[in-house]
Amino acid sequence: METSAHPYWPRALALPGYVAGARPGWQCAGAVAAAAAALFALGWALGGAGGGAKGGARGVAKRSPARRLVLGWFLLCTGIHGVLEGYFSLRHRELPADTGLLADVWKEYAKADSRYMTSDDFTVAMETVTAWAWGPLSFLTFLALLRQHPARYILQLVVSLGQLYGDILYFATEARAGWAHSDPHPFYFWGYFVGLNGVWVLVPALLLLDAGRELARAQRGHDRPRHKAH
């Protein structure tokens, strides 16, 4: 039986105009990992500059390592959502024939989910919302956390809930399709598809709980004077 001229599943998938990526997979994965690590490290470093956002010299306690990790996370999300997923949102129709670095990154990831090569309706809609809503809001959340803005945990809750909901739908729609769009090789299915996307289930879930706890604490503090007055 003749196989298709591309590496994607299902093997009978038609991709008119497809051009193989110019870069090997390790280069694509390495470029994304390096950029993500740089953004994460920058967020971590900015979170430690001067302690609290209002200035360590004025007695504001320094941020804990956990809070600095959260800053790194939201700056990383800004780049992933805004640049990588923003590119897909704008160029998904041209992706099979495109040959740039971001196109090669998506061609490598598509071995784990070929829906990215076919302009699948759900995938395009989900990534468009992610790029143009959660991308900018991730940056606003980063700034709010950095400056200790009163709305920081509201933003953290909104963005984390959106990320978690989108990722659950992403897994659920592919499960209903019988996992038909992923190369069964463990590296692509468990490494790319489950592993990478699983991070955007685990971390937003933890940040959702964290934001809820902080907001509940603030509400208790707000309610306490009322109770004393009565």
C-alpha atoms as a PDB file:
ATOM      1  CA  MET A   1       0.000   0.000   0.000  1.00  0.00           C
ATOM      2  CA  GLU A   2       1.445   3.382  -1.018  1.00  0.00           C
ATOM      3  CA  THR A   3       2.007   5.818   1.806  1.00  0.00           C
ATOM      4  CA  SER A   4       1.671   9.579   1.685  1.00  0.00           C
ATOM      5  CA  ALA A   5       4.667  11.858   1.134  1.00  0.00           C
ATOM      6  CA  HIS A   6       4.438  13.463   4.572  1.00  0.00           C
ATOM      7  CA  PRO A   7       5.175  12.157   8.093  1.00  0.00           C
ATOM      8  CA  TYR A   8       1.722  12.792   9.597  1.00  0.00           C
ATOM      9  CA  TRP A   9      -1.113  10.614  10.819  1.00  0.00           C
ATOM     10  CA  PRO A  10      -3.435   9.293   9.602  1.00  0.00           C
ATOM     11  CA  ARG A  11      -1.104   8.205   6.810  1.00  0.00           C
ATOM     12  CA  ALA A  12      -3.790   8.760   4.166  1.00  0.00           C
ATOM     13  CA  LEU A  13      -4.096  12.434   5.130  1.00  0.00           C
ATOM     14  CA  ALA A  14      -4.099  14.686   2.046  1.00  0.00           C
ATOM     15  CA  LEU A  15      -1.874  17.765   2.282  1.00  0.00           C
ATOM     16  CA  PRO A  16      -1.792  19.491  -1.123  1.00  0.00           C
ATOM     17  CA  GLY A  17       1.282  21.671  -1.576  1.00  0.00           C
ATOM     18  CA  TYR A  18       3.086  20.226   1.433  1.00  0.00           C
ATOM     19  CA  VAL A  19       6.801  21.055   1.660  1.00  0.00           C
ATOM     20  CA  ALA A  20       8.958  19.259   4.199  1.00  0.00           C
ATOM     21  CA  GLY A  21      10.565  21.382   6.888  1.00  0.00           C
ATOM     22  CA  ALA A  22      14.081  22.629   6.222  1.00  0.00           C
ATOM     23  CA  ARG A  23      15.290  22.006   9.794  1.00  0.00           C
ATOM     24  CA  PRO A  24      15.564  18.764  11.766  1.00  0.00           C
ATOM     25  CA  GLY A  25      13.193  18.262  14.643  1.00  0.00           C
ATOM     26  CA  TRP A  26      15.852  18.706  17.334  1.00  0.00           C
ATOM     27  CA  GLN A  27      16.648  22.177  16.031  1.00  0.00           C
ATOM     28  CA  CYS A  28      12.984  23.187  16.098  1.00  0.00           C
ATOM     29  CA  ALA A  29      12.456  21.816  19.591  1.00  0.00           C
ATOM     30  CA  GLY A  30      15.730  23.329  20.754  1.00  0.00           C
ATOM     31  CA  ALA A  31      14.846  26.786  19.441  1.00  0.00           C
ATOM     32  CA  VAL A  32      11.512  26.784  21.269  1.00  0.00           C
ATOM     33  CA  ALA A  33      13.087  25.407  24.459  1.00  0.00           C
ATOM     34  CA  ALA A  34      15.830  28.055  24.389  1.00  0.00           C
ATOM     35  CA  ALA A  35      13.371  30.914  23.844  1.00  0.00           C
ATOM     36  CA  ALA A  36      11.043  29.592  26.551  1.00  0.00           C
ATOM     37  CA  ALA A  37      13.939  29.201  29.000  1.00  0.00           C
ATOM     38  CA  ALA A  38      15.120  32.753  28.286  1.00  0.00           C
ATOM     39  CA  LEU A  39      11.664  34.213  28.928  1.00  0.00           C
ATOM     40  CA  PHE A  40      11.249  32.148  32.076  1.00  0.00           C
ATOM     41  CA  ALA A  41      14.662  33.212  33.359  1.00  0.00           C
ATOM     42  CA  LEU A  42      13.913  36.865  32.603  1.00  0.00           C
ATOM     43  CA  GLY A  43      10.655  36.687  34.557  1.00  0.00           C
ATOM     44  CA  TRP A  44      12.469  35.026  37.454  1.00  0.00           C
ATOM     45  CA  ALA A  45      15.213  37.666  37.424  1.00  0.00           C
ATOM     46  CA  LEU A  46      12.791  40.594  37.277  1.00  0.00           C
ATOM     47  CA  GLY A  47      10.859  39.074  40.144  1.00  0.00           C
ATOM     48  CA  GLY A  48      13.943  39.248  42.346  1.00  0.00           C
ATOM     49  CA  ALA A  49      15.019  42.766  41.399  1.00  0.00           C
ATOM     50  CA  GLY A  50      14.547  44.988  44.441  1.00  0.00           C
ATOM     51  CA  GLY A  51      12.438  42.443  46.305  1.00  0.00           C
ATOM     52  CA  GLY A  52       8.767  43.471  46.260  1.00  0.00           C
ATOM     53  CA  ALA A  53       7.479  45.670  43.463  1.00  0.00           C
ATOM     54  CA  LYS A  54       7.216  48.651  45.831  1.00  0.00           C
ATOM     55  CA  GLY A  55      10.907  48.491  46.670  1.00  0.00           C
ATOM     56  CA  GLY A  56      12.814  46.406  49.166  1.00  0.00           C
ATOM     57  CA  ALA A  57      14.297  49.538  50.719  1.00  0.00           C
ATOM     58  CA  ARG A  58      10.863  50.474  52.026  1.00  0.00           C
ATOM     59  CA  GLY A  59      10.534  47.264  53.983  1.00  0.00           C
ATOM     60  CA  VAL A  60       8.500  45.244  51.489  1.00  0.00           C
ATOM     61  CA  ALA A  61       9.302  41.555  51.833  1.00  0.00           C
ATOM     62  CA  LYS A  62      11.104  39.898  48.972  1.00  0.00           C
ATOM     63  CA  ARG A  63       9.104  37.602  46.742  1.00  0.00           C
ATOM     64  CA  SER A  64       9.254  33.933  47.537  1.00  0.00           C
ATOM     65  CA  PRO A  65      10.805  31.561  44.982  1.00  0.00           C
ATOM     66  CA  ALA A  66       7.290  30.315  44.191  1.00  0.00           C
ATOM     67  CA  ARG A  67       6.099  33.836  43.289  1.00  0.00           C
ATOM     68  CA  ARG A  68       9.148  34.361  41.098  1.00  0.00           C
ATOM     69  CA  LEU A  69       8.388  31.079  39.322  1.00  0.00           C
ATOM     70  CA  VAL A  70       4.879  32.341  38.621  1.00  0.00           C
ATOM     71  CA  LEU A  71       6.308  35.513  37.083  1.00  0.00           C
ATOM     72  CA  GLY A  72       8.529  33.386  34.857  1.00  0.00           C
ATOM     73  CA  TRP A  73       5.553  31.258  33.878  1.00  0.00           C
ATOM     74  CA  PHE A  74       3.381  34.150  32.739  1.00  0.00           C
ATOM     75  CA  LEU A  75       6.215  35.750  30.754  1.00  0.00           C
ATOM     76  CA  LEU A  76       6.842  32.384  29.099  1.00  0.00           C
ATOM     77  CA  CYS A  77       3.114  32.113  28.297  1.00  0.00           C
ATOM     78  CA  THR A  78       3.216  35.582  26.747  1.00  0.00           C
ATOM     79  CA  GLY A  79       5.824  34.420  24.250  1.00  0.00           C
ATOM     80  CA  ILE A  80       4.322  31.003  23.515  1.00  0.00           C
ATOM     81  CA  HIS A  81       0.783  32.312  23.070  1.00  0.00           C
ATOM     82  CA  GLY A  82       1.627  35.576  21.364  1.00  0.00           C
ATOM     83  CA  VAL A  83       4.396  34.504  18.989  1.00  0.00           C
ATOM     84  CA  LEU A  84       4.099  30.775  18.324  1.00  0.00           C
ATOM     85  CA  GLU A  85       0.335  30.410  18.521  1.00  0.00           C
ATOM     86  CA  GLY A  86      -0.182  33.872  17.060  1.00  0.00           C
ATOM     87  CA  TYR A  87       1.769  32.731  13.988  1.00  0.00           C
ATOM     88  CA  PHE A  88      -0.435  29.657  13.647  1.00  0.00           C
ATOM     89  CA  SER A  89      -3.605  31.731  14.000  1.00  0.00           C
ATOM     90  CA  LEU A  90      -2.535  33.990  11.132  1.00  0.00           C
ATOM     91  CA  ARG A  91      -0.761  31.471   8.864  1.00  0.00           C
ATOM     92  CA  HIS A  92      -2.501  28.137   9.375  1.00  0.00           C
ATOM     93  CA  ARG A  93      -3.723  27.925   5.767  1.00  0.00           C
ATOM     94  CA  GLU A  94      -0.219  28.507   4.360  1.00  0.00           C
ATOM     95  CA  LEU A  95       1.506  26.316   6.943  1.00  0.00           C
ATOM     96  CA  PRO A  96       1.946  23.099   4.855  1.00  0.00           C
ATOM     97  CA  ALA A  97       3.843  25.003   2.151  1.00  0.00           C
ATOM     98  CA  ASP A  98       5.651  27.484   4.420  1.00  0.00           C
ATOM     99  CA  THR A  99       9.374  27.068   5.120  1.00  0.00           C
ATOM    100  CA  GLY A 100      10.249  29.572   7.872  1.00  0.00           C
ATOM    101  CA  LEU A 101      11.440  28.712  11.370  1.00  0.00           C
ATOM    102  CA  LEU A 102       8.000  28.989  12.991  1.00  0.00           C
ATOM    103  CA  ALA A 103       6.497  26.902  10.186  1.00  0.00           C
ATOM    104  CA  ASP A 104       9.133  24.228  10.793  1.00  0.00           C
ATOM    105  CA  VAL A 105       8.350  24.297  14.521  1.00  0.00           C
ATOM    106  CA  TRP A 106       4.682  23.636  13.799  1.00  0.00           C
ATOM    107  CA  LYS A 107       5.532  20.942  11.233  1.00  0.00           C
ATOM    108  CA  GLU A 108       7.567  19.196  13.896  1.00  0.00           C
ATOM    109  CA  TYR A 109       4.815  19.467  16.523  1.00  0.00           C
ATOM    110  CA  ALA A 110       2.185  18.337  13.984  1.00  0.00           C
ATOM    111  CA  LYS A 111       3.741  14.868  14.138  1.00  0.00           C
ATOM    112  CA  ALA A 112       1.943  14.736  17.483  1.00  0.00           C
ATOM    113  CA  ASP A 113      -1.254  16.341  16.155  1.00  0.00           C
ATOM    114  CA  SER A 114      -1.802  16.635  12.412  1.00  0.00           C
ATOM    115  CA  ARG A 115      -4.850  18.855  12.943  1.00  0.00           C
ATOM    116  CA  TYR A 116      -2.384  21.731  12.830  1.00  0.00           C
ATOM    117  CA  MET A 117      -1.628  20.915   9.198  1.00  0.00           C
ATOM    118  CA  THR A 118      -5.236  20.848   8.020  1.00  0.00           C
ATOM    119  CA  SER A 119      -6.703  24.076   9.455  1.00  0.00           C
ATOM    120  CA  ASP A 120      -8.988  22.001  11.664  1.00  0.00           C
ATOM    121  CA  ASP A 121     -11.867  24.229  12.784  1.00  0.00           C
ATOM    122  CA  PHE A 122     -11.555  23.556  16.507  1.00  0.00           C
ATOM    123  CA  THR A 123      -7.765  23.887  16.521  1.00  0.00           C
ATOM    124  CA  VAL A 124      -7.825  27.193  14.635  1.00  0.00           C
ATOM    125  CA  ALA A 125     -10.551  28.603  16.900  1.00  0.00           C
ATOM    126  CA  MET A 126      -8.809  27.461  20.088  1.00  0.00           C
ATOM    127  CA  GLU A 127      -5.399  28.778  19.047  1.00  0.00           C
ATOM    128  CA  THR A 128      -6.867  32.096  17.903  1.00  0.00           C
ATOM    129  CA  VAL A 129      -8.470  32.660  21.294  1.00  0.00           C
ATOM    130  CA  THR A 130      -5.265  31.557  22.997  1.00  0.00           C
ATOM    131  CA  ALA A 131      -3.074  33.875  20.913  1.00  0.00           C
ATOM    132  CA  TRP A 132      -5.181  37.030  20.997  1.00  0.00           C
ATOM    133  CA  ALA A 133      -6.807  36.712  24.426  1.00  0.00           C
ATOM    134  CA  TRP A 134      -4.540  34.665  26.709  1.00  0.00           C
ATOM    135  CA  GLY A 135      -1.332  36.007  25.144  1.00  0.00           C
ATOM    136  CA  PRO A 136      -1.908  39.707  25.949  1.00  0.00           C
ATOM    137  CA  LEU A 137      -3.636  38.844  29.227  1.00  0.00           C
ATOM    138  CA  SER A 138      -0.633  36.728  30.248  1.00  0.00           C
ATOM    139  CA  PHE A 139       1.546  39.812  29.837  1.00  0.00           C
ATOM    140  CA  LEU A 140      -0.911  41.953  31.803  1.00  0.00           C
ATOM    141  CA  THR A 141      -0.897  39.310  34.530  1.00  0.00           C
ATOM    142  CA  PHE A 142       2.895  39.343  34.555  1.00  0.00           C
ATOM    143  CA  LEU A 143       2.930  43.129  34.928  1.00  0.00           C
ATOM    144  CA  ALA A 144       0.225  43.061  37.612  1.00  0.00           C
ATOM    145  CA  LEU A 145       2.147  40.457  39.628  1.00  0.00           C
ATOM    146  CA  LEU A 146       5.425  42.297  39.144  1.00  0.00           C
ATOM    147  CA  ARG A 147       3.928  45.582  40.386  1.00  0.00           C
ATOM    148  CA  GLN A 148       1.692  43.920  42.993  1.00  0.00           C
ATOM    149  CA  HIS A 149      -1.412  45.444  41.439  1.00  0.00           C
ATOM    150  CA  PRO A 150      -4.656  44.749  43.351  1.00  0.00           C
ATOM    151  CA  ALA A 151      -6.099  42.960  40.299  1.00  0.00           C
ATOM    152  CA  ARG A 152      -3.202  40.509  39.988  1.00  0.00           C
ATOM    153  CA  TYR A 153      -4.992  37.458  41.350  1.00  0.00           C
ATOM    154  CA  ILE A 154      -8.137  38.198  39.366  1.00  0.00           C
ATOM    155  CA  LEU A 155      -6.030  38.198  36.192  1.00  0.00           C
ATOM    156  CA  GLN A 156      -4.206  35.061  37.302  1.00  0.00           C
ATOM    157  CA  LEU A 157      -7.530  33.319  37.854  1.00  0.00           C
ATOM    158  CA  VAL A 158      -9.010  34.397  34.499  1.00  0.00           C
ATOM    159  CA  VAL A 159      -5.965  33.438  32.424  1.00  0.00           C
ATOM    160  CA  SER A 160      -5.412  30.138  34.225  1.00  0.00           C
ATOM    161  CA  LEU A 161      -9.064  29.163  33.873  1.00  0.00           C
ATOM    162  CA  GLY A 162      -8.980  29.975  30.165  1.00  0.00           C
ATOM    163  CA  GLN A 163      -5.800  27.960  29.619  1.00  0.00           C
ATOM    164  CA  LEU A 164      -7.125  24.994  31.576  1.00  0.00           C
ATOM    165  CA  TYR A 165     -10.494  24.986  29.797  1.00  0.00           C
ATOM    166  CA  GLY A 166      -8.894  25.230  26.357  1.00  0.00           C
ATOM    167  CA  ASP A 167      -6.459  22.405  27.066  1.00  0.00           C
ATOM    168  CA  ILE A 168      -9.174  20.120  28.411  1.00  0.00           C
ATOM    169  CA  LEU A 169     -11.194  20.692  25.235  1.00  0.00           C
ATOM    170  CA  TYR A 170      -8.051  20.086  23.181  1.00  0.00           C
ATOM    171  CA  PHE A 171      -7.523  16.673  24.778  1.00  0.00           C
ATOM    172  CA  ALA A 172     -11.231  15.815  24.773  1.00  0.00           C
ATOM    173  CA  THR A 173     -11.788  16.506  21.065  1.00  0.00           C
ATOM    174  CA  GLU A 174      -8.809  14.363  20.090  1.00  0.00           C
ATOM    175  CA  ALA A 175      -9.927  11.588  22.449  1.00  0.00           C
ATOM    176  CA  ARG A 176     -13.319  11.558  20.700  1.00  0.00           C
ATOM    177  CA  ALA A 177     -11.470  11.222  17.392  1.00  0.00           C
ATOM    178  CA  GLY A 178      -9.735   8.107  18.705  1.00  0.00           C
ATOM    179  CA  TRP A 179      -6.300   9.745  18.969  1.00  0.00           C
ATOM    180  CA  ALA A 180      -6.125   9.398  15.187  1.00  0.00           C
ATOM    181  CA  HIS A 181      -3.991  12.458  14.486  1.00  0.00           C
ATOM    182  CA  SER A 182      -0.854  11.566  16.422  1.00  0.00           C
ATOM    183  CA  ASP A 183       2.141   9.480  15.449  1.00  0.00           C
ATOM    184  CA  PRO A 184       1.913   6.460  17.800  1.00  0.00           C
ATOM    185  CA  HIS A 185       5.642   6.651  18.537  1.00  0.00           C
ATOM    186  CA  PRO A 186       5.966   7.336  22.308  1.00  0.00           C
ATOM    187  CA  PHE A 187       8.181  10.390  21.726  1.00  0.00           C
ATOM    188  CA  TYR A 188       5.492  12.174  19.733  1.00  0.00           C
ATOM    189  CA  PHE A 189       2.401  10.962  21.561  1.00  0.00           C
ATOM    190  CA  TRP A 190       3.647  10.942  25.173  1.00  0.00           C
ATOM    191  CA  GLY A 191       6.396  13.522  24.820  1.00  0.00           C
ATOM    192  CA  TYR A 192       4.854  16.151  22.571  1.00  0.00           C
ATOM    193  CA  PHE A 193       1.109  15.599  22.724  1.00  0.00           C
ATOM    194  CA  VAL A 194       0.616  14.505  26.332  1.00  0.00           C
ATOM    195  CA  GLY A 195       3.742  15.921  27.977  1.00  0.00           C
ATOM    196  CA  LEU A 196       3.842  19.432  26.556  1.00  0.00           C
ATOM    197  CA  ASN A 197       0.108  19.997  26.748  1.00  0.00           C
ATOM    198  CA  GLY A 198      -0.082  18.388  30.157  1.00  0.00           C
ATOM    199  CA  VAL A 199       2.020  21.266  31.520  1.00  0.00           C
ATOM    200  CA  TRP A 200      -0.815  23.628  30.535  1.00  0.00           C
ATOM    201  CA  VAL A 201      -3.223  21.496  32.539  1.00  0.00           C
ATOM    202  CA  LEU A 202      -1.132  21.060  35.684  1.00  0.00           C
ATOM    203  CA  VAL A 203       0.291  24.573  36.096  1.00  0.00           C
ATOM    204  CA  PRO A 204      -2.944  26.517  35.383  1.00  0.00           C
ATOM    205  CA  ALA A 205      -4.830  24.194  37.749  1.00  0.00           C
ATOM    206  CA  LEU A 206      -2.351  24.981  40.546  1.00  0.00           C
ATOM    207  CA  LEU A 207      -2.449  28.712  39.777  1.00  0.00           C
ATOM    208  CA  LEU A 208      -6.237  28.629  39.717  1.00  0.00           C
ATOM    209  CA  LEU A 209      -6.251  27.172  43.226  1.00  0.00           C
ATOM    210  CA  ASP A 210      -3.636  29.703  44.343  1.00  0.00           C
ATOM    211  CA  ALA A 211      -5.621  32.646  42.976  1.00  0.00           C
ATOM    212  CA  GLY A 212      -8.810  31.361  44.575  1.00  0.00           C
ATOM    213  CA  ARG A 213      -7.080  31.047  47.949  1.00  0.00           C
ATOM    214  CA  GLU A 214      -5.634  34.566  47.758  1.00  0.00           C
ATOM    215  CA  LEU A 215      -8.949  36.090  46.684  1.00  0.00           C
ATOM    216  CA  ALA A 216     -10.795  34.252  49.458  1.00  0.00           C
ATOM    217  CA  ARG A 217      -8.232  35.544  51.981  1.00  0.00           C
ATOM    218  CA  ALA A 218      -8.736  39.099  50.747  1.00  0.00           C
ATOM    219  CA  GLN A 219     -12.513  38.729  50.949  1.00  0.00           C
ATOM    220  CA  ARG A 220     -12.282  37.453  54.529  1.00  0.00           C
ATOM    221  CA  GLY A 221     -10.160  40.467  55.414  1.00  0.00           C
ATOM    222  CA  HIS A 222     -12.701  42.747  53.767  1.00  0.00           C
ATOM    223  CA  ASP A 223     -15.625  41.130  55.599  1.00  0.00           C
ATOM    224  CA  ARG A 224     -13.998  41.099  59.043  1.00  0.00           C
ATOM    225  CA  PRO A 225     -14.501  44.826  59.884  1.00  0.00           C
ATOM    226  CA  ARG A 226     -18.174  44.516  58.903  1.00  0.00           C
ATOM    227  CA  HIS A 227     -18.684  41.652  61.327  1.00  0.00           C
ATOM    228  CA  LYS A 228     -16.971  43.594  64.122  1.00  0.00           C
ATOM    229  CA  ALA A 229     -19.169  46.609  63.433  1.00  0.00           C
ATOM    230  CA  HIS A 230     -22.282  44.521  63.915  1.00  0.00           C
END
